[in-house]
Amino acid sequence: MQATIPEARMQHPVFVLPDAMKALHSFAKVVQSSGVPAKTLELVNLRASQINGCAVCAVQHPELARKLGESDERLFAVAAWREAPYFDDAERAALALTEAATRLSDRADAVPDEVWDEAARHYDQQQLAALVCAIASINVWNRLNVVTRQVAGQAW
């Protein structure tokens, strides 16, 4: 059986609205300068993208993480981070916060105090703000890509 090559529904929205690209890149720069380790931010990006089924980001963020020195072993285990021995407590707290903030409608208390409190044990207020912004940012990118059926591996 021959596979059908997917096609995007439209040109990526950030190219249709270039100021959106500028805004999203500016937002990302603020997050990147927050003191949260770049590898942690890429783990956050990958986990949210897995949850949201965003193939573009699920391909792109491991590549970016590898450039930061991230191992394949850890990247392969992100989807099963609770059971994998490769993540420290701060990374686990960031991943738990990512899951809760990405799956807002999955429970009555979307982000339970225990998830928030554990993140707050490992990150100061600026870093927590950056994590929340990073999670929001990757969810925006995921939604832009998924809704318009952007194709993983294709140059925009």
N, C-alpha and C. Protein backbone atom coordinates (compact mmCIF):
# COMPACT_ATOMS: atom_id res chain seq x y z
N MET A 1 0.83 -1.17 0.00
CA MET A 1 0.00 0.00 0.00
C MET A 1 0.88 1.24 0.00
N GLN A 2 0.57 2.18 -0.85
CA GLN A 2 1.34 3.40 -0.96
C GLN A 2 0.80 4.45 0.01
N ALA A 3 1.71 5.06 0.76
CA ALA A 3 1.30 6.09 1.73
C ALA A 3 0.99 7.39 1.01
N THR A 4 0.00 8.07 1.50
CA THR A 4 -0.35 9.37 0.97
C THR A 4 0.55 10.42 1.62
N ILE A 5 1.12 11.27 0.81
CA ILE A 5 1.97 12.33 1.33
C ILE A 5 1.05 13.44 1.84
N PRO A 6 1.18 13.77 3.13
CA PRO A 6 0.29 14.80 3.69
C PRO A 6 0.58 16.18 3.10
N GLU A 7 -0.42 16.99 3.12
CA GLU A 7 -0.28 18.38 2.68
C GLU A 7 -0.85 19.30 3.73
N ALA A 8 -0.21 20.44 3.89
CA ALA A 8 -0.73 21.45 4.81
C ALA A 8 -2.01 22.03 4.24
N ARG A 9 -2.90 22.42 5.12
CA ARG A 9 -4.16 23.05 4.70
C ARG A 9 -3.93 24.44 4.14
N MET A 10 -2.90 25.09 4.63
CA MET A 10 -2.61 26.45 4.21
C MET A 10 -1.15 26.76 4.53
N GLN A 11 -0.66 27.87 4.00
CA GLN A 11 0.65 28.35 4.40
C GLN A 11 0.60 28.56 5.91
N HIS A 12 1.71 28.36 6.57
CA HIS A 12 1.73 28.49 8.02
C HIS A 12 1.21 29.88 8.41
N PRO A 13 0.33 29.94 9.42
CA PRO A 13 -0.26 31.22 9.82
C PRO A 13 0.76 32.31 10.16
N VAL A 14 1.93 31.94 10.70
CA VAL A 14 2.91 32.98 11.06
C VAL A 14 3.56 33.60 9.83
N PHE A 15 3.40 32.97 8.66
CA PHE A 15 3.87 33.59 7.43
C PHE A 15 2.78 34.41 6.77
N VAL A 16 1.56 34.05 7.05
CA VAL A 16 0.43 34.85 6.58
C VAL A 16 0.36 36.14 7.40
N LEU A 17 0.66 36.02 8.69
CA LEU A 17 0.66 37.16 9.63
C LEU A 17 2.07 37.29 10.23
N PRO A 18 3.01 37.89 9.49
CA PRO A 18 4.41 37.93 9.95
C PRO A 18 4.61 38.55 11.33
N ASP A 19 3.74 39.46 11.74
CA ASP A 19 3.88 40.02 13.09
C ASP A 19 3.64 38.97 14.17
N ALA A 20 2.88 37.94 13.84
CA ALA A 20 2.69 36.83 14.79
C ALA A 20 4.01 36.10 15.00
N MET A 21 4.76 35.88 13.94
CA MET A 21 6.07 35.22 14.05
C MET A 21 6.99 36.07 14.93
N LYS A 22 7.01 37.37 14.69
CA LYS A 22 7.86 38.26 15.50
C LYS A 22 7.47 38.19 16.97
N ALA A 23 6.17 38.20 17.23
CA ALA A 23 5.69 38.15 18.62
C ALA A 23 6.07 36.83 19.28
N LEU A 24 5.88 35.73 18.58
CA LEU A 24 6.21 34.43 19.16
C LEU A 24 7.71 34.28 19.38
N HIS A 25 8.52 34.77 18.48
CA HIS A 25 9.97 34.71 18.66
C HIS A 25 10.42 35.60 19.81
N SER A 26 9.81 36.76 19.94
CA SER A 26 10.13 37.66 21.05
C SER A 26 9.76 37.00 22.38
N PHE A 27 8.60 36.39 22.43
CA PHE A 27 8.14 35.68 23.62
C PHE A 27 9.13 34.58 23.99
N ALA A 28 9.58 33.83 22.99
CA ALA A 28 10.53 32.73 23.23
C ALA A 28 11.86 33.25 23.78
N LYS A 29 12.33 34.39 23.30
CA LYS A 29 13.59 34.95 23.79
C LYS A 29 13.51 35.30 25.27
N VAL A 30 12.37 35.83 25.69
CA VAL A 30 12.18 36.15 27.10
C VAL A 30 12.26 34.87 27.94
N VAL A 31 11.59 33.83 27.49
CA VAL A 31 11.60 32.56 28.21
C VAL A 31 13.02 31.99 28.27
N GLN A 32 13.74 32.05 27.17
CA GLN A 32 15.08 31.47 27.11
C GLN A 32 16.08 32.19 28.01
N SER A 33 15.80 33.42 28.37
CA SER A 33 16.72 34.17 29.22
C SER A 33 16.33 34.14 30.69
N SER A 34 15.47 33.21 31.06
CA SER A 34 14.89 33.17 32.40
C SER A 34 15.71 32.42 33.44
N GLY A 35 16.68 31.66 33.02
CA GLY A 35 17.43 30.85 33.97
C GLY A 35 17.00 29.39 34.02
N VAL A 36 15.91 29.05 33.33
CA VAL A 36 15.53 27.64 33.22
C VAL A 36 16.49 27.00 32.22
N PRO A 37 17.10 25.88 32.55
CA PRO A 37 18.04 25.26 31.62
C PRO A 37 17.40 25.01 30.25
N ALA A 38 18.17 25.30 29.21
CA ALA A 38 17.67 25.15 27.83
C ALA A 38 17.24 23.71 27.57
N LYS A 39 17.96 22.73 28.12
CA LYS A 39 17.56 21.33 27.92
C LYS A 39 16.19 21.06 28.55
N THR A 40 15.94 21.65 29.71
CA THR A 40 14.64 21.47 30.36
C THR A 40 13.54 22.06 29.49
N LEU A 41 13.78 23.23 28.94
CA LEU A 41 12.78 23.85 28.07
C LEU A 41 12.49 22.96 26.85
N GLU A 42 13.50 22.32 26.32
CA GLU A 42 13.27 21.43 25.17
C GLU A 42 12.51 20.17 25.58
N LEU A 43 12.75 19.67 26.78
CA LEU A 43 11.96 18.54 27.27
C LEU A 43 10.50 18.93 27.41
N VAL A 44 10.27 20.13 27.93
CA VAL A 44 8.91 20.67 28.06
C VAL A 44 8.26 20.77 26.67
N ASN A 45 9.00 21.32 25.71
CA ASN A 45 8.47 21.45 24.35
C ASN A 45 8.12 20.10 23.75
N LEU A 46 9.00 19.14 23.95
CA LEU A 46 8.75 17.81 23.40
C LEU A 46 7.54 17.15 24.06
N ARG A 47 7.45 17.22 25.38
CA ARG A 47 6.33 16.55 26.06
C ARG A 47 4.99 17.14 25.67
N ALA A 48 4.88 18.45 25.65
CA ALA A 48 3.61 19.08 25.23
C ALA A 48 3.29 18.70 23.79
N SER A 49 4.28 18.66 22.94
CA SER A 49 4.06 18.31 21.53
C SER A 49 3.61 16.87 21.36
N GLN A 50 4.14 15.97 22.19
CA GLN A 50 3.68 14.59 22.17
C GLN A 50 2.20 14.52 22.57
N ILE A 51 1.85 15.20 23.64
CA ILE A 51 0.47 15.19 24.12
C ILE A 51 -0.47 15.74 23.05
N ASN A 52 -0.06 16.82 22.40
CA ASN A 52 -0.91 17.48 21.42
C ASN A 52 -0.86 16.84 20.03
N GLY A 53 -0.04 15.85 19.85
CA GLY A 53 0.06 15.19 18.55
C GLY A 53 0.61 16.09 17.46
N CYS A 54 1.53 16.97 17.82
CA CYS A 54 2.13 17.88 16.85
C CYS A 54 3.41 17.26 16.29
N ALA A 55 3.30 16.68 15.11
CA ALA A 55 4.44 16.01 14.49
C ALA A 55 5.57 16.98 14.19
N VAL A 56 5.24 18.19 13.75
CA VAL A 56 6.27 19.18 13.43
C VAL A 56 7.17 19.40 14.65
N CYS A 57 6.56 19.67 15.78
CA CYS A 57 7.33 19.96 17.00
C CYS A 57 7.95 18.71 17.62
N ALA A 58 7.27 17.57 17.47
CA ALA A 58 7.81 16.32 18.00
C ALA A 58 9.06 15.89 17.24
N VAL A 59 9.23 16.37 16.03
CA VAL A 59 10.44 16.12 15.25
C VAL A 59 11.47 17.22 15.51
N GLN A 60 11.02 18.46 15.54
CA GLN A 60 11.93 19.60 15.66
C GLN A 60 12.61 19.69 17.02
N HIS A 61 11.87 19.50 18.10
CA HIS A 61 12.46 19.75 19.42
C HIS A 61 13.51 18.72 19.85
N PRO A 62 13.38 17.45 19.50
CA PRO A 62 14.52 16.56 19.77
C PRO A 62 15.78 16.99 19.02
N GLU A 63 15.62 17.48 17.80
CA GLU A 63 16.79 17.97 17.05
C GLU A 63 17.44 19.14 17.77
N LEU A 64 16.61 20.07 18.24
CA LEU A 64 17.15 21.22 18.98
C LEU A 64 17.80 20.76 20.28
N ALA A 65 17.18 19.81 20.97
CA ALA A 65 17.73 19.30 22.22
C ALA A 65 19.07 18.60 21.99
N ARG A 66 19.19 17.85 20.91
CA ARG A 66 20.46 17.18 20.60
C ARG A 66 21.57 18.20 20.40
N LYS A 67 21.25 19.33 19.77
CA LYS A 67 22.26 20.38 19.57
C LYS A 67 22.73 20.96 20.90
N LEU A 68 21.91 20.84 21.93
CA LEU A 68 22.28 21.29 23.28
C LEU A 68 23.02 20.20 24.05
N GLY A 69 23.19 19.03 23.43
CA GLY A 69 23.89 17.93 24.08
C GLY A 69 22.99 16.90 24.72
N GLU A 70 21.69 17.00 24.47
CA GLU A 70 20.75 16.03 25.05
C GLU A 70 20.95 14.66 24.42
N SER A 71 20.78 13.62 25.22
CA SER A 71 20.99 12.25 24.74
C SER A 71 19.70 11.68 24.13
N ASP A 72 19.89 10.79 23.18
CA ASP A 72 18.74 10.09 22.60
C ASP A 72 18.00 9.29 23.67
N GLU A 73 18.75 8.72 24.57
CA GLU A 73 18.15 7.91 25.62
C GLU A 73 17.10 8.70 26.40
N ARG A 74 17.45 9.91 26.78
CA ARG A 74 16.51 10.75 27.52
C ARG A 74 15.36 11.22 26.62
N LEU A 75 15.66 11.58 25.40
CA LEU A 75 14.62 12.04 24.49
C LEU A 75 13.60 10.94 24.22
N PHE A 76 14.08 9.72 24.04
CA PHE A 76 13.17 8.60 23.79
C PHE A 76 12.28 8.32 24.99
N ALA A 77 12.74 8.68 26.18
CA ALA A 77 12.02 8.36 27.42
C ALA A 77 11.08 9.47 27.89
N VAL A 78 11.03 10.60 27.20
CA VAL A 78 10.21 11.72 27.68
C VAL A 78 8.75 11.33 27.84
N ALA A 79 8.21 10.55 26.92
CA ALA A 79 6.79 10.16 27.02
C ALA A 79 6.53 9.29 28.25
N ALA A 80 7.55 8.66 28.77
CA ALA A 80 7.42 7.79 29.94
C ALA A 80 8.30 8.31 31.09
N TRP A 81 8.37 9.61 31.24
CA TRP A 81 9.30 10.22 32.19
C TRP A 81 9.07 9.76 33.64
N ARG A 82 7.86 9.42 34.01
CA ARG A 82 7.60 8.99 35.39
C ARG A 82 8.30 7.67 35.70
N GLU A 83 8.39 6.80 34.72
CA GLU A 83 8.98 5.47 34.91
C GLU A 83 10.46 5.42 34.55
N ALA A 84 10.94 6.42 33.84
CA ALA A 84 12.34 6.40 33.37
C ALA A 84 13.27 7.00 34.43
N PRO A 85 14.45 6.42 34.58
CA PRO A 85 15.37 6.89 35.62
C PRO A 85 16.25 8.07 35.20
N TYR A 86 15.99 8.66 34.04
CA TYR A 86 16.93 9.61 33.45
C TYR A 86 16.73 11.07 33.82
N PHE A 87 15.69 11.39 34.56
CA PHE A 87 15.34 12.79 34.81
C PHE A 87 15.49 13.13 36.29
N ASP A 88 16.02 14.33 36.54
CA ASP A 88 16.16 14.74 37.94
C ASP A 88 14.83 15.31 38.44
N ASP A 89 14.78 15.61 39.72
CA ASP A 89 13.53 16.06 40.34
C ASP A 89 13.01 17.36 39.73
N ALA A 90 13.90 18.27 39.39
CA ALA A 90 13.46 19.54 38.79
C ALA A 90 12.86 19.29 37.40
N GLU A 91 13.49 18.44 36.62
CA GLU A 91 12.94 18.12 35.30
C GLU A 91 11.59 17.42 35.42
N ARG A 92 11.48 16.53 36.38
CA ARG A 92 10.20 15.84 36.61
C ARG A 92 9.10 16.82 36.99
N ALA A 93 9.44 17.80 37.82
CA ALA A 93 8.47 18.83 38.20
C ALA A 93 8.04 19.65 36.99
N ALA A 94 9.00 19.99 36.13
CA ALA A 94 8.68 20.75 34.91
C ALA A 94 7.81 19.93 33.96
N LEU A 95 8.09 18.64 33.85
CA LEU A 95 7.29 17.78 32.98
C LEU A 95 5.88 17.57 33.53
N ALA A 96 5.76 17.44 34.85
CA ALA A 96 4.43 17.30 35.46
C ALA A 96 3.61 18.58 35.24
N LEU A 97 4.25 19.73 35.41
CA LEU A 97 3.57 21.00 35.17
C LEU A 97 3.17 21.12 33.70
N THR A 98 4.03 20.69 32.82
CA THR A 98 3.74 20.71 31.38
C THR A 98 2.50 19.89 31.06
N GLU A 99 2.46 18.68 31.60
CA GLU A 99 1.31 17.82 31.33
C GLU A 99 0.02 18.42 31.87
N ALA A 100 0.06 18.93 33.09
CA ALA A 100 -1.15 19.50 33.69
C ALA A 100 -1.61 20.73 32.91
N ALA A 101 -0.67 21.60 32.56
CA ALA A 101 -1.03 22.85 31.87
C ALA A 101 -1.41 22.62 30.41
N THR A 102 -1.01 21.51 29.86
CA THR A 102 -1.38 21.19 28.48
C THR A 102 -2.73 20.49 28.43
N ARG A 103 -3.03 19.71 29.45
CA ARG A 103 -4.29 18.96 29.50
C ARG A 103 -5.27 19.63 30.47
N LEU A 104 -5.56 20.88 30.24
CA LEU A 104 -6.36 21.66 31.19
C LEU A 104 -7.73 21.08 31.49
N SER A 105 -8.36 20.46 30.53
CA SER A 105 -9.73 19.99 30.74
C SER A 105 -9.81 18.56 31.26
N ASP A 106 -8.67 17.94 31.54
CA ASP A 106 -8.68 16.54 31.97
C ASP A 106 -9.12 16.34 33.42
N ARG A 107 -9.10 17.38 34.22
CA ARG A 107 -9.51 17.24 35.62
C ARG A 107 -10.10 18.56 36.12
N ALA A 108 -10.88 18.48 37.16
CA ALA A 108 -11.56 19.67 37.70
C ALA A 108 -10.55 20.72 38.15
N ASP A 109 -9.51 20.29 38.84
CA ASP A 109 -8.44 21.19 39.26
C ASP A 109 -7.30 20.98 38.27
N ALA A 110 -7.30 21.76 37.21
CA ALA A 110 -6.41 21.52 36.07
C ALA A 110 -4.94 21.37 36.49
N VAL A 111 -4.48 22.26 37.33
CA VAL A 111 -3.11 22.18 37.82
C VAL A 111 -3.18 22.08 39.34
N PRO A 112 -3.17 20.86 39.85
CA PRO A 112 -3.31 20.65 41.30
C PRO A 112 -2.18 21.30 42.09
N ASP A 113 -2.49 21.66 43.32
CA ASP A 113 -1.49 22.29 44.18
C ASP A 113 -0.22 21.46 44.28
N GLU A 114 -0.35 20.14 44.35
CA GLU A 114 0.86 19.32 44.50
C GLU A 114 1.78 19.43 43.29
N VAL A 115 1.21 19.58 42.11
CA VAL A 115 2.03 19.77 40.90
C VAL A 115 2.71 21.13 40.95
N TRP A 116 1.92 22.15 41.27
CA TRP A 116 2.47 23.51 41.36
C TRP A 116 3.53 23.59 42.45
N ASP A 117 3.22 23.07 43.63
CA ASP A 117 4.14 23.16 44.76
C ASP A 117 5.45 22.45 44.48
N GLU A 118 5.39 21.32 43.80
CA GLU A 118 6.63 20.61 43.46
C GLU A 118 7.47 21.44 42.49
N ALA A 119 6.83 22.05 41.51
CA ALA A 119 7.57 22.93 40.59
C ALA A 119 8.18 24.10 41.36
N ALA A 120 7.42 24.67 42.28
CA ALA A 120 7.90 25.82 43.07
C ALA A 120 9.07 25.44 43.99
N ARG A 121 9.19 24.17 44.34
CA ARG A 121 10.34 23.71 45.14
C ARG A 121 11.64 23.79 44.36
N HIS A 122 11.54 23.68 43.04
CA HIS A 122 12.74 23.59 42.19
C HIS A 122 13.05 24.85 41.38
N TYR A 123 12.05 25.72 41.25
CA TYR A 123 12.22 26.90 40.41
C TYR A 123 11.77 28.14 41.18
N ASP A 124 12.53 29.23 41.03
CA ASP A 124 12.13 30.48 41.67
C ASP A 124 10.98 31.11 40.87
N GLN A 125 10.48 32.24 41.34
CA GLN A 125 9.31 32.84 40.72
C GLN A 125 9.55 33.20 39.25
N GLN A 126 10.71 33.74 38.93
CA GLN A 126 11.03 34.07 37.54
C GLN A 126 11.06 32.81 36.68
N GLN A 127 11.67 31.77 37.18
CA GLN A 127 11.75 30.52 36.43
C GLN A 127 10.38 29.87 36.28
N LEU A 128 9.55 29.92 37.33
CA LEU A 128 8.19 29.40 37.23
C LEU A 128 7.40 30.15 36.17
N ALA A 129 7.53 31.47 36.18
CA ALA A 129 6.86 32.29 35.17
C ALA A 129 7.33 31.87 33.78
N ALA A 130 8.62 31.65 33.65
CA ALA A 130 9.16 31.23 32.35
C ALA A 130 8.64 29.86 31.94
N LEU A 131 8.56 28.94 32.89
CA LEU A 131 8.01 27.61 32.57
C LEU A 131 6.56 27.72 32.10
N VAL A 132 5.75 28.50 32.80
CA VAL A 132 4.35 28.68 32.39
C VAL A 132 4.29 29.30 31.00
N CYS A 133 5.13 30.30 30.76
CA CYS A 133 5.16 30.93 29.43
C CYS A 133 5.66 29.96 28.36
N ALA A 134 6.66 29.14 28.70
CA ALA A 134 7.16 28.15 27.74
C ALA A 134 6.08 27.15 27.38
N ILE A 135 5.34 26.70 28.37
CA ILE A 135 4.26 25.74 28.13
C ILE A 135 3.17 26.38 27.27
N ALA A 136 2.83 27.62 27.58
CA ALA A 136 1.83 28.33 26.77
C ALA A 136 2.33 28.50 25.34
N SER A 137 3.59 28.84 25.19
CA SER A 137 4.17 29.07 23.87
C SER A 137 4.15 27.81 23.01
N ILE A 138 4.61 26.69 23.56
CA ILE A 138 4.63 25.46 22.75
C ILE A 138 3.22 25.01 22.43
N ASN A 139 2.28 25.26 23.33
CA ASN A 139 0.89 24.92 23.03
C ASN A 139 0.35 25.78 21.89
N VAL A 140 0.76 27.04 21.81
CA VAL A 140 0.37 27.88 20.66
C VAL A 140 0.93 27.29 19.38
N TRP A 141 2.22 26.99 19.37
CA TRP A 141 2.84 26.42 18.16
C TRP A 141 2.17 25.09 17.79
N ASN A 142 1.92 24.24 18.77
CA ASN A 142 1.26 22.96 18.48
C ASN A 142 -0.09 23.19 17.82
N ARG A 143 -0.85 24.12 18.34
CA ARG A 143 -2.18 24.37 17.79
C ARG A 143 -2.12 24.95 16.39
N LEU A 144 -1.20 25.87 16.16
CA LEU A 144 -1.03 26.42 14.81
C LEU A 144 -0.69 25.30 13.82
N ASN A 145 0.22 24.43 14.21
CA ASN A 145 0.67 23.35 13.33
C ASN A 145 -0.40 22.29 13.10
N VAL A 146 -1.06 21.87 14.18
CA VAL A 146 -2.05 20.79 14.07
C VAL A 146 -3.29 21.26 13.30
N VAL A 147 -3.79 22.44 13.65
CA VAL A 147 -5.01 22.93 13.00
C VAL A 147 -4.81 23.09 11.49
N THR A 148 -3.62 23.56 11.09
CA THR A 148 -3.38 23.79 9.66
C THR A 148 -2.67 22.61 8.99
N ARG A 149 -2.51 21.53 9.75
CA ARG A 149 -1.89 20.29 9.25
C ARG A 149 -0.52 20.51 8.61
N GLN A 150 0.30 21.26 9.33
CA GLN A 150 1.67 21.45 8.85
C GLN A 150 2.38 20.10 8.87
N VAL A 151 3.28 19.90 7.93
CA VAL A 151 3.90 18.60 7.72
C VAL A 151 5.30 18.59 8.35
N ALA A 152 5.54 17.59 9.18
CA ALA A 152 6.85 17.44 9.82
C ALA A 152 7.93 17.24 8.77
N GLY A 153 9.06 17.88 8.99
CA GLY A 153 10.21 17.69 8.12
C GLY A 153 10.21 18.54 6.87
N GLN A 154 9.15 19.26 6.62
CA GLN A 154 9.12 20.12 5.44
C GLN A 154 9.52 21.53 5.83
N ALA A 155 10.34 22.13 5.00
CA ALA A 155 10.72 23.52 5.23
C ALA A 155 9.52 24.40 4.91
N TRP A 156 9.35 25.40 5.73
CA TRP A 156 8.23 26.32 5.50
C TRP A 156 8.62 27.25 4.42
